[in-house]
């Protein structure tokens, strides 16, 4: 005959309803994971200059933006990454600032000129997936606007991107 053990059974009650804060945090973490996995350096082309070959370091760009723009906050919560260099030498950077305890985020596409001058930024929902010639391309349908292109080493005042007119700000 075998020995039979009786262990006390502990019941666990599962909480099926999430609080608002848990939902916001879950949403934020999903967006952050997507941004990490599909970040701005996903695609490469022959016209893409790898970000580590840029003349300015990311820290130098942070300082440049802090001095040049009153509309962009530079603090410890900001993540700034090189996206690439256009054929004409203009450099693009992705800017993400998470604030209000992770409930809000600001995404910007920031441009620095050939001489290291701050050219401006667009408020964007996503970041480009490829760089070709003097254009940054996004994963949107072309009929709704899928690119930001530089002409004559300058940026357009307004770009049509993902069905919206986005104005550059400095």
N, C-alpha and C. Protein backbone atom coordinates (compact mmCIF):
# COMPACT_ATOMS: atom_id res chain seq x y z
N UNK A 1 0.83 -1.17 0.00
CA UNK A 1 0.00 0.00 0.00
C UNK A 1 0.87 1.24 0.00
N UNK A 2 0.46 2.20 -0.79
CA UNK A 2 1.20 3.44 -0.90
C UNK A 2 0.72 4.45 0.13
N UNK A 3 1.52 5.45 0.36
CA UNK A 3 1.18 6.52 1.28
C UNK A 3 0.47 7.62 0.50
N UNK A 4 -0.63 8.06 1.01
CA UNK A 4 -1.40 9.10 0.35
C UNK A 4 -1.22 10.42 1.12
N UNK A 5 -0.80 11.48 0.38
CA UNK A 5 -0.62 12.78 1.00
C UNK A 5 -1.76 13.68 0.59
N UNK A 6 -2.27 14.41 1.53
CA UNK A 6 -3.32 15.39 1.23
C UNK A 6 -2.75 16.76 1.51
N UNK A 7 -2.62 17.56 0.44
CA UNK A 7 -2.11 18.91 0.58
C UNK A 7 -3.27 19.88 0.54
N UNK A 8 -3.18 20.95 1.31
CA UNK A 8 -4.27 21.94 1.28
C UNK A 8 -4.32 22.61 -0.11
N UNK A 9 -5.52 22.84 -0.58
CA UNK A 9 -5.72 23.47 -1.87
C UNK A 9 -5.94 24.96 -1.65
N UNK A 10 -5.18 25.76 -2.36
CA UNK A 10 -5.29 27.21 -2.24
C UNK A 10 -5.99 27.71 -3.50
N UNK A 11 -7.04 28.45 -3.31
CA UNK A 11 -7.75 29.01 -4.46
C UNK A 11 -7.20 30.39 -4.76
N UNK A 12 -7.10 30.66 -6.04
CA UNK A 12 -6.60 31.96 -6.48
C UNK A 12 -7.69 32.61 -7.30
N UNK A 13 -7.99 33.83 -6.96
CA UNK A 13 -9.00 34.57 -7.70
C UNK A 13 -8.29 35.45 -8.72
N UNK A 14 -8.64 35.29 -9.98
CA UNK A 14 -8.04 36.08 -11.03
C UNK A 14 -8.81 37.37 -11.23
N UNK A 15 -8.09 38.42 -11.40
CA UNK A 15 -8.71 39.71 -11.68
C UNK A 15 -8.80 39.87 -13.19
N UNK A 16 -10.00 39.92 -13.72
CA UNK A 16 -10.19 39.98 -15.16
C UNK A 16 -10.31 41.39 -15.69
N UNK A 17 -10.52 42.33 -14.83
CA UNK A 17 -10.67 43.72 -15.26
C UNK A 17 -9.40 44.47 -14.91
N UNK A 18 -8.84 45.13 -15.91
CA UNK A 18 -7.63 45.91 -15.70
C UNK A 18 -7.99 47.35 -15.36
N UNK A 19 -7.13 47.94 -14.57
CA UNK A 19 -7.33 49.36 -14.28
C UNK A 19 -6.88 50.19 -15.47
N UNK A 20 -7.27 51.43 -15.48
CA UNK A 20 -6.90 52.34 -16.58
C UNK A 20 -5.38 52.46 -16.67
N UNK A 21 -4.70 52.56 -15.53
CA UNK A 21 -3.26 52.68 -15.52
C UNK A 21 -2.59 51.44 -16.12
N UNK A 22 -3.13 50.27 -15.81
CA UNK A 22 -2.57 49.04 -16.37
C UNK A 22 -2.75 49.00 -17.88
N UNK A 23 -3.90 49.46 -18.37
CA UNK A 23 -4.14 49.50 -19.81
C UNK A 23 -3.20 50.47 -20.50
N UNK A 24 -3.01 51.64 -19.90
CA UNK A 24 -2.11 52.64 -20.48
C UNK A 24 -0.69 52.09 -20.51
N UNK A 25 -0.25 51.47 -19.43
CA UNK A 25 1.10 50.93 -19.37
C UNK A 25 1.27 49.78 -20.38
N UNK A 26 0.28 48.93 -20.50
CA UNK A 26 0.35 47.83 -21.48
C UNK A 26 0.46 48.40 -22.89
N UNK A 27 -0.36 49.41 -23.20
CA UNK A 27 -0.32 50.05 -24.52
C UNK A 27 1.04 50.68 -24.77
N UNK A 28 1.55 51.39 -23.78
CA UNK A 28 2.87 52.03 -23.91
C UNK A 28 3.95 50.99 -24.15
N UNK A 29 3.93 49.89 -23.40
CA UNK A 29 4.95 48.85 -23.55
C UNK A 29 4.87 48.20 -24.93
N UNK A 30 3.66 48.02 -25.47
CA UNK A 30 3.51 47.47 -26.81
C UNK A 30 4.10 48.41 -27.85
N UNK A 31 3.83 49.71 -27.71
CA UNK A 31 4.38 50.69 -28.65
C UNK A 31 5.90 50.72 -28.53
N UNK A 32 6.41 50.70 -27.32
CA UNK A 32 7.85 50.72 -27.12
C UNK A 32 8.50 49.49 -27.74
N UNK A 33 7.89 48.32 -27.57
CA UNK A 33 8.43 47.11 -28.16
C UNK A 33 8.43 47.19 -29.69
N UNK A 34 7.36 47.70 -30.25
CA UNK A 34 7.29 47.86 -31.71
C UNK A 34 8.36 48.82 -32.19
N UNK A 35 8.53 49.94 -31.47
CA UNK A 35 9.55 50.92 -31.87
C UNK A 35 10.94 50.32 -31.79
N UNK A 36 11.18 49.49 -30.79
CA UNK A 36 12.50 48.86 -30.67
C UNK A 36 12.71 47.86 -31.80
N UNK A 37 11.69 47.04 -32.06
CA UNK A 37 11.82 46.02 -33.09
C UNK A 37 11.85 46.59 -34.50
N UNK A 38 11.06 47.62 -34.74
CA UNK A 38 10.97 48.20 -36.09
C UNK A 38 11.59 49.58 -36.15
N UNK A 39 12.56 49.83 -35.30
CA UNK A 39 13.17 51.15 -35.17
C UNK A 39 13.58 51.80 -36.47
N UNK A 40 14.09 53.02 -36.38
CA UNK A 40 14.39 53.81 -37.57
C UNK A 40 15.52 53.26 -38.42
N UNK A 41 16.33 52.35 -37.89
CA UNK A 41 17.45 51.83 -38.66
C UNK A 41 17.15 50.48 -39.29
N UNK A 42 15.87 50.17 -39.51
CA UNK A 42 15.47 48.89 -40.06
C UNK A 42 15.97 48.69 -41.47
N UNK A 43 15.71 49.65 -42.32
CA UNK A 43 16.01 49.48 -43.74
C UNK A 43 17.32 50.17 -44.11
N UNK A 44 17.96 49.61 -45.11
CA UNK A 44 19.17 50.21 -45.63
C UNK A 44 19.07 50.23 -47.14
N UNK A 45 19.67 51.24 -47.74
CA UNK A 45 19.77 51.29 -49.19
C UNK A 45 21.15 51.84 -49.51
N UNK A 46 21.49 51.90 -50.77
CA UNK A 46 22.80 52.38 -51.16
C UNK A 46 22.97 53.86 -50.84
N UNK A 47 21.88 54.61 -50.68
CA UNK A 47 21.96 56.03 -50.39
C UNK A 47 21.91 56.31 -48.90
N UNK A 48 21.84 55.30 -48.09
CA UNK A 48 21.71 55.44 -46.65
C UNK A 48 23.10 55.49 -46.04
N UNK A 49 23.37 56.52 -45.27
CA UNK A 49 24.64 56.62 -44.57
C UNK A 49 24.42 56.10 -43.17
N UNK A 50 25.18 55.11 -42.77
CA UNK A 50 25.02 54.53 -41.45
C UNK A 50 25.23 55.62 -40.41
N UNK A 51 24.38 55.60 -39.39
CA UNK A 51 24.34 56.69 -38.43
C UNK A 51 25.66 56.92 -37.70
N UNK A 52 26.49 55.89 -37.52
CA UNK A 52 27.72 56.10 -36.78
C UNK A 52 28.78 56.84 -37.60
N UNK A 53 28.51 57.13 -38.87
CA UNK A 53 29.44 57.90 -39.68
C UNK A 53 29.07 59.38 -39.71
N UNK A 54 28.07 59.78 -38.96
CA UNK A 54 27.64 61.18 -38.92
C UNK A 54 28.73 62.02 -38.26
N UNK A 55 28.82 63.29 -38.67
CA UNK A 55 29.82 64.20 -38.12
C UNK A 55 29.52 64.54 -36.67
N UNK A 56 28.25 64.71 -36.33
CA UNK A 56 27.85 65.07 -34.98
C UNK A 56 27.47 63.82 -34.19
N UNK A 57 27.86 63.80 -32.93
CA UNK A 57 27.41 62.71 -32.08
C UNK A 57 25.97 63.00 -31.65
N UNK A 58 25.28 62.01 -31.18
CA UNK A 58 23.90 62.20 -30.71
C UNK A 58 23.88 63.20 -29.55
N UNK A 59 24.88 63.15 -28.69
CA UNK A 59 24.94 64.08 -27.57
C UNK A 59 25.12 65.52 -28.06
N UNK A 60 25.90 65.72 -29.11
CA UNK A 60 26.07 67.05 -29.69
C UNK A 60 24.75 67.54 -30.30
N UNK A 61 24.00 66.63 -30.92
CA UNK A 61 22.71 66.99 -31.50
C UNK A 61 21.73 67.36 -30.40
N UNK A 62 21.76 66.64 -29.29
CA UNK A 62 20.90 66.99 -28.14
C UNK A 62 21.17 68.42 -27.68
N UNK A 63 22.44 68.77 -27.56
CA UNK A 63 22.80 70.12 -27.12
C UNK A 63 22.39 71.17 -28.16
N UNK A 64 22.57 70.84 -29.43
CA UNK A 64 22.18 71.75 -30.51
C UNK A 64 20.69 72.04 -30.45
N UNK A 65 19.88 71.00 -30.29
CA UNK A 65 18.42 71.17 -30.24
C UNK A 65 18.02 71.97 -29.00
N UNK A 66 18.65 71.68 -27.88
CA UNK A 66 18.33 72.40 -26.64
C UNK A 66 18.58 73.90 -26.79
N UNK A 67 19.63 74.26 -27.52
CA UNK A 67 19.95 75.68 -27.74
C UNK A 67 19.07 76.31 -28.82
N UNK A 68 18.77 75.55 -29.88
CA UNK A 68 18.15 76.13 -31.07
C UNK A 68 16.63 76.15 -31.06
N UNK A 69 15.99 75.25 -30.34
CA UNK A 69 14.53 75.16 -30.41
C UNK A 69 13.88 75.36 -29.05
N UNK A 70 12.91 76.23 -29.01
CA UNK A 70 12.13 76.42 -27.79
C UNK A 70 10.93 75.48 -27.75
N UNK A 71 10.69 74.74 -28.84
CA UNK A 71 9.52 73.87 -28.93
C UNK A 71 9.83 72.41 -28.61
N UNK A 72 11.09 72.06 -28.51
CA UNK A 72 11.45 70.66 -28.26
C UNK A 72 12.14 70.57 -26.90
N UNK A 73 11.61 69.73 -26.04
CA UNK A 73 12.16 69.54 -24.70
C UNK A 73 13.28 68.50 -24.77
N UNK A 74 14.39 68.83 -24.17
CA UNK A 74 15.50 67.88 -24.06
C UNK A 74 15.72 67.64 -22.57
N UNK A 75 15.42 66.42 -22.13
CA UNK A 75 15.66 66.05 -20.74
C UNK A 75 16.06 64.57 -20.70
N UNK A 76 16.11 64.00 -19.50
CA UNK A 76 16.57 62.62 -19.36
C UNK A 76 15.61 61.60 -19.97
N UNK A 77 14.38 61.97 -20.23
CA UNK A 77 13.42 61.02 -20.79
C UNK A 77 13.47 60.96 -22.32
N UNK A 78 14.29 61.78 -22.95
CA UNK A 78 14.35 61.84 -24.41
C UNK A 78 15.28 60.76 -24.96
N UNK A 79 14.78 60.06 -25.98
CA UNK A 79 15.61 59.13 -26.74
C UNK A 79 15.81 59.73 -28.12
N UNK A 80 17.05 59.89 -28.52
CA UNK A 80 17.39 60.49 -29.80
C UNK A 80 18.29 59.52 -30.54
N UNK A 81 17.90 59.17 -31.79
CA UNK A 81 18.67 58.22 -32.58
C UNK A 81 18.83 58.74 -34.01
N UNK A 82 19.98 58.50 -34.58
CA UNK A 82 20.21 58.88 -35.97
C UNK A 82 19.39 57.96 -36.88
N UNK A 83 18.65 58.56 -37.81
CA UNK A 83 17.87 57.79 -38.79
C UNK A 83 18.73 57.56 -40.02
N UNK A 84 19.39 58.61 -40.49
CA UNK A 84 20.25 58.49 -41.66
C UNK A 84 20.57 59.84 -42.24
N UNK A 85 21.35 59.82 -43.30
CA UNK A 85 21.78 61.03 -43.98
C UNK A 85 21.27 61.01 -45.40
N UNK A 86 20.63 62.10 -45.80
CA UNK A 86 20.16 62.23 -47.17
C UNK A 86 21.35 62.46 -48.09
N UNK A 87 21.14 62.26 -49.37
CA UNK A 87 22.21 62.42 -50.35
C UNK A 87 22.82 63.83 -50.27
N UNK A 88 22.00 64.84 -49.98
CA UNK A 88 22.49 66.22 -49.93
C UNK A 88 23.17 66.58 -48.60
N UNK A 89 23.31 65.61 -47.70
CA UNK A 89 24.04 65.82 -46.45
C UNK A 89 23.18 66.15 -45.25
N UNK A 90 21.89 66.39 -45.44
CA UNK A 90 21.01 66.66 -44.30
C UNK A 90 20.84 65.37 -43.49
N UNK A 91 20.96 65.50 -42.18
CA UNK A 91 20.85 64.34 -41.30
C UNK A 91 19.50 64.35 -40.60
N UNK A 92 18.91 63.17 -40.48
CA UNK A 92 17.61 63.02 -39.82
C UNK A 92 17.79 62.22 -38.53
N UNK A 93 17.05 62.63 -37.49
CA UNK A 93 17.10 61.97 -36.19
C UNK A 93 15.68 61.71 -35.70
N UNK A 94 15.50 60.56 -35.05
CA UNK A 94 14.22 60.28 -34.40
C UNK A 94 14.31 60.76 -32.96
N UNK A 95 13.23 61.38 -32.51
CA UNK A 95 13.15 61.93 -31.15
C UNK A 95 11.90 61.35 -30.51
N UNK A 96 12.06 60.73 -29.36
CA UNK A 96 10.92 60.21 -28.61
C UNK A 96 11.07 60.69 -27.17
N UNK A 97 10.02 61.33 -26.68
CA UNK A 97 9.99 61.76 -25.28
C UNK A 97 8.72 61.22 -24.65
N UNK A 98 8.88 60.38 -23.65
CA UNK A 98 7.75 59.82 -22.92
C UNK A 98 7.59 60.64 -21.65
N UNK A 99 6.36 61.06 -21.38
CA UNK A 99 6.13 61.91 -20.22
C UNK A 99 4.77 61.59 -19.61
N UNK A 100 4.45 62.28 -18.52
CA UNK A 100 3.21 62.05 -17.77
C UNK A 100 3.14 60.60 -17.29
N UNK A 101 4.24 60.14 -16.69
CA UNK A 101 4.35 58.77 -16.15
C UNK A 101 4.10 57.71 -17.21
N UNK A 102 4.53 57.96 -18.40
CA UNK A 102 4.40 56.97 -19.47
C UNK A 102 3.08 57.00 -20.20
N UNK A 103 2.19 57.90 -19.83
CA UNK A 103 0.88 57.95 -20.46
C UNK A 103 0.90 58.70 -21.79
N UNK A 104 1.90 59.54 -22.02
CA UNK A 104 1.98 60.34 -23.24
C UNK A 104 3.37 60.22 -23.83
N UNK A 105 3.43 60.43 -25.15
CA UNK A 105 4.72 60.42 -25.82
C UNK A 105 4.70 61.43 -26.96
N UNK A 106 5.85 62.03 -27.22
CA UNK A 106 6.02 62.95 -28.35
C UNK A 106 7.04 62.34 -29.30
N UNK A 107 6.67 62.22 -30.56
CA UNK A 107 7.56 61.70 -31.59
C UNK A 107 7.86 62.82 -32.57
N UNK A 108 9.12 63.03 -32.84
CA UNK A 108 9.53 64.07 -33.77
C UNK A 108 10.57 63.51 -34.73
N UNK A 109 10.55 64.02 -35.93
CA UNK A 109 11.58 63.74 -36.92
C UNK A 109 12.37 65.03 -37.05
N UNK A 110 13.61 65.01 -36.59
CA UNK A 110 14.44 66.21 -36.48
C UNK A 110 15.50 66.21 -37.58
N UNK A 111 15.76 67.40 -38.13
CA UNK A 111 16.73 67.53 -39.22
C UNK A 111 17.84 68.50 -38.84
N UNK A 112 19.08 68.11 -39.19
CA UNK A 112 20.26 68.93 -38.97
C UNK A 112 20.94 69.10 -40.32
N UNK A 113 21.32 70.33 -40.62
CA UNK A 113 21.92 70.66 -41.91
C UNK A 113 23.36 70.21 -42.04
N UNK A 114 23.91 70.40 -43.22
CA UNK A 114 25.26 69.99 -43.56
C UNK A 114 26.29 70.66 -42.65
N UNK A 115 26.05 71.89 -42.27
CA UNK A 115 26.98 72.65 -41.43
C UNK A 115 26.70 72.46 -39.94
N UNK A 116 25.83 71.51 -39.60
CA UNK A 116 25.53 71.25 -38.20
C UNK A 116 24.49 72.17 -37.61
N UNK A 117 23.70 72.84 -38.46
CA UNK A 117 22.67 73.74 -37.96
C UNK A 117 21.33 73.01 -37.86
N UNK A 118 20.55 73.37 -36.84
CA UNK A 118 19.23 72.80 -36.65
C UNK A 118 18.29 73.36 -37.71
N UNK A 119 17.68 72.49 -38.54
CA UNK A 119 16.80 72.92 -39.62
C UNK A 119 15.33 72.93 -39.22
N UNK A 120 14.94 72.04 -38.31
CA UNK A 120 13.56 71.97 -37.89
C UNK A 120 13.12 70.54 -37.62
N UNK A 121 11.83 70.40 -37.33
CA UNK A 121 11.28 69.09 -36.97
C UNK A 121 9.83 69.00 -37.39
N UNK A 122 9.38 67.78 -37.61
CA UNK A 122 7.97 67.49 -37.86
C UNK A 122 7.48 66.58 -36.74
N UNK A 123 6.26 66.81 -36.27
CA UNK A 123 5.62 65.90 -35.31
C UNK A 123 5.05 64.73 -36.12
N UNK A 124 5.53 63.53 -35.86
CA UNK A 124 5.14 62.36 -36.64
C UNK A 124 4.56 61.28 -35.74
N UNK A 125 3.83 60.35 -36.35
CA UNK A 125 3.30 59.21 -35.60
C UNK A 125 4.23 58.01 -35.67
N UNK A 126 4.98 57.92 -36.76
CA UNK A 126 5.91 56.82 -36.98
C UNK A 126 7.22 57.38 -37.51
N UNK A 127 8.20 56.51 -37.66
CA UNK A 127 9.48 56.94 -38.20
C UNK A 127 9.72 56.28 -39.55
N UNK A 128 10.60 56.86 -40.35
CA UNK A 128 10.84 56.33 -41.70
C UNK A 128 11.37 54.91 -41.68
N UNK A 129 11.08 54.20 -42.75
CA UNK A 129 11.58 52.83 -42.88
C UNK A 129 12.73 52.73 -43.87
N UNK A 130 12.91 53.78 -44.69
CA UNK A 130 14.06 53.77 -45.61
C UNK A 130 14.40 55.19 -46.04
N UNK A 131 15.65 55.32 -46.49
CA UNK A 131 16.16 56.59 -46.99
C UNK A 131 16.64 56.35 -48.41
N UNK A 132 16.18 57.18 -49.34
CA UNK A 132 16.64 57.10 -50.73
C UNK A 132 16.84 58.51 -51.25
N UNK A 133 17.99 58.72 -51.87
CA UNK A 133 18.33 60.03 -52.41
C UNK A 133 18.13 61.10 -51.34
N UNK A 134 17.21 62.04 -51.59
CA UNK A 134 16.95 63.13 -50.63
C UNK A 134 15.60 62.97 -49.96
N UNK A 135 15.12 61.73 -49.83
CA UNK A 135 13.80 61.48 -49.25
C UNK A 135 13.86 60.43 -48.14
N UNK A 136 13.00 60.62 -47.17
CA UNK A 136 12.74 59.62 -46.14
C UNK A 136 11.38 59.02 -46.45
N UNK A 137 11.28 57.70 -46.47
CA UNK A 137 10.02 57.04 -46.80
C UNK A 137 9.46 56.32 -45.59
N UNK A 138 8.13 56.46 -45.44
CA UNK A 138 7.40 55.82 -44.35
C UNK A 138 6.59 54.65 -44.90
N UNK A 139 6.06 53.84 -44.02
CA UNK A 139 5.31 52.66 -44.44
C UNK A 139 3.83 52.96 -44.69
N UNK A 140 3.53 54.13 -45.24
CA UNK A 140 2.17 54.50 -45.57
C UNK A 140 1.96 54.34 -47.08
N UNK A 141 0.69 54.28 -47.50
CA UNK A 141 0.38 54.25 -48.92
C UNK A 141 0.72 55.61 -49.52
N UNK A 142 1.23 55.60 -50.73
CA UNK A 142 1.68 56.85 -51.37
C UNK A 142 0.52 57.83 -51.58
N UNK A 143 -0.70 57.32 -51.76
CA UNK A 143 -1.84 58.22 -51.97
C UNK A 143 -2.15 59.06 -50.72
N UNK A 144 -1.71 58.59 -49.55
CA UNK A 144 -1.92 59.33 -48.31
C UNK A 144 -0.67 60.09 -47.87
N UNK A 145 0.35 60.07 -48.69
CA UNK A 145 1.61 60.74 -48.37
C UNK A 145 2.52 59.82 -47.58
N UNK A 146 3.67 59.49 -48.17
CA UNK A 146 4.56 58.54 -47.50
C UNK A 146 6.03 58.99 -47.49
N UNK A 147 6.29 60.27 -47.77
CA UNK A 147 7.69 60.69 -47.80
C UNK A 147 7.87 62.14 -47.37
N UNK A 148 9.07 62.40 -46.89
CA UNK A 148 9.53 63.76 -46.61
C UNK A 148 10.78 63.92 -47.46
N UNK A 149 10.74 64.86 -48.40
CA UNK A 149 11.86 65.05 -49.33
C UNK A 149 12.45 66.44 -49.20
N UNK A 150 13.76 66.50 -49.27
CA UNK A 150 14.48 67.76 -49.22
C UNK A 150 14.76 68.21 -50.65
N UNK A 151 14.52 69.49 -50.91
CA UNK A 151 14.81 70.06 -52.22
C UNK A 151 15.76 71.23 -52.03
N UNK A 152 16.81 71.25 -52.83
CA UNK A 152 17.79 72.34 -52.76
C UNK A 152 18.33 72.51 -51.34
N UNK A 153 18.60 71.41 -50.67
CA UNK A 153 19.16 71.41 -49.31
C UNK A 153 18.28 72.13 -48.28
N UNK A 154 16.98 72.17 -48.55
CA UNK A 154 16.05 72.72 -47.55
C UNK A 154 14.85 71.79 -47.42
N UNK A 155 14.10 71.98 -46.38
CA UNK A 155 12.94 71.14 -46.11
C UNK A 155 11.66 71.91 -46.42
N UNK A 156 10.62 71.20 -46.87
CA UNK A 156 9.36 71.90 -47.15
C UNK A 156 8.71 72.41 -45.86
N UNK A 157 8.02 73.53 -45.97
CA UNK A 157 7.30 74.09 -44.83
C UNK A 157 6.18 73.15 -44.38
N UNK A 158 5.50 72.53 -45.36
CA UNK A 158 4.41 71.60 -45.06
C UNK A 158 4.62 70.33 -45.87
N UNK A 159 4.47 69.18 -45.22
CA UNK A 159 4.52 67.89 -45.92
C UNK A 159 3.20 67.17 -45.71
N UNK A 160 2.80 66.41 -46.72
CA UNK A 160 1.59 65.60 -46.65
C UNK A 160 2.03 64.19 -46.29
N UNK A 161 1.67 63.73 -45.09
CA UNK A 161 2.15 62.45 -44.59
C UNK A 161 1.02 61.73 -43.86
N UNK A 162 0.71 60.55 -44.31
CA UNK A 162 -0.35 59.72 -43.71
C UNK A 162 -1.67 60.45 -43.63
N UNK A 163 -2.00 61.18 -44.71
CA UNK A 163 -3.29 61.88 -44.79
C UNK A 163 -3.35 63.16 -44.03
N UNK A 164 -2.24 63.66 -43.52
CA UNK A 164 -2.22 64.90 -42.75
C UNK A 164 -1.17 65.86 -43.30
N UNK A 165 -1.47 67.14 -43.21
CA UNK A 165 -0.49 68.16 -43.55
C UNK A 165 0.29 68.49 -42.27
N UNK A 166 1.58 68.22 -42.31
CA UNK A 166 2.43 68.48 -41.15
C UNK A 166 3.32 69.66 -41.43
N UNK A 167 3.32 70.62 -40.52
CA UNK A 167 4.12 71.82 -40.69
C UNK A 167 5.43 71.70 -39.91
N UNK A 168 6.50 72.14 -40.54
CA UNK A 168 7.80 72.10 -39.85
C UNK A 168 7.79 73.17 -38.76
N UNK A 169 8.43 72.86 -37.66
CA UNK A 169 8.58 73.87 -36.61
C UNK A 169 10.03 73.91 -36.18
N UNK A 170 10.41 75.05 -35.71
CA UNK A 170 11.81 75.26 -35.33
C UNK A 170 11.97 75.56 -33.89
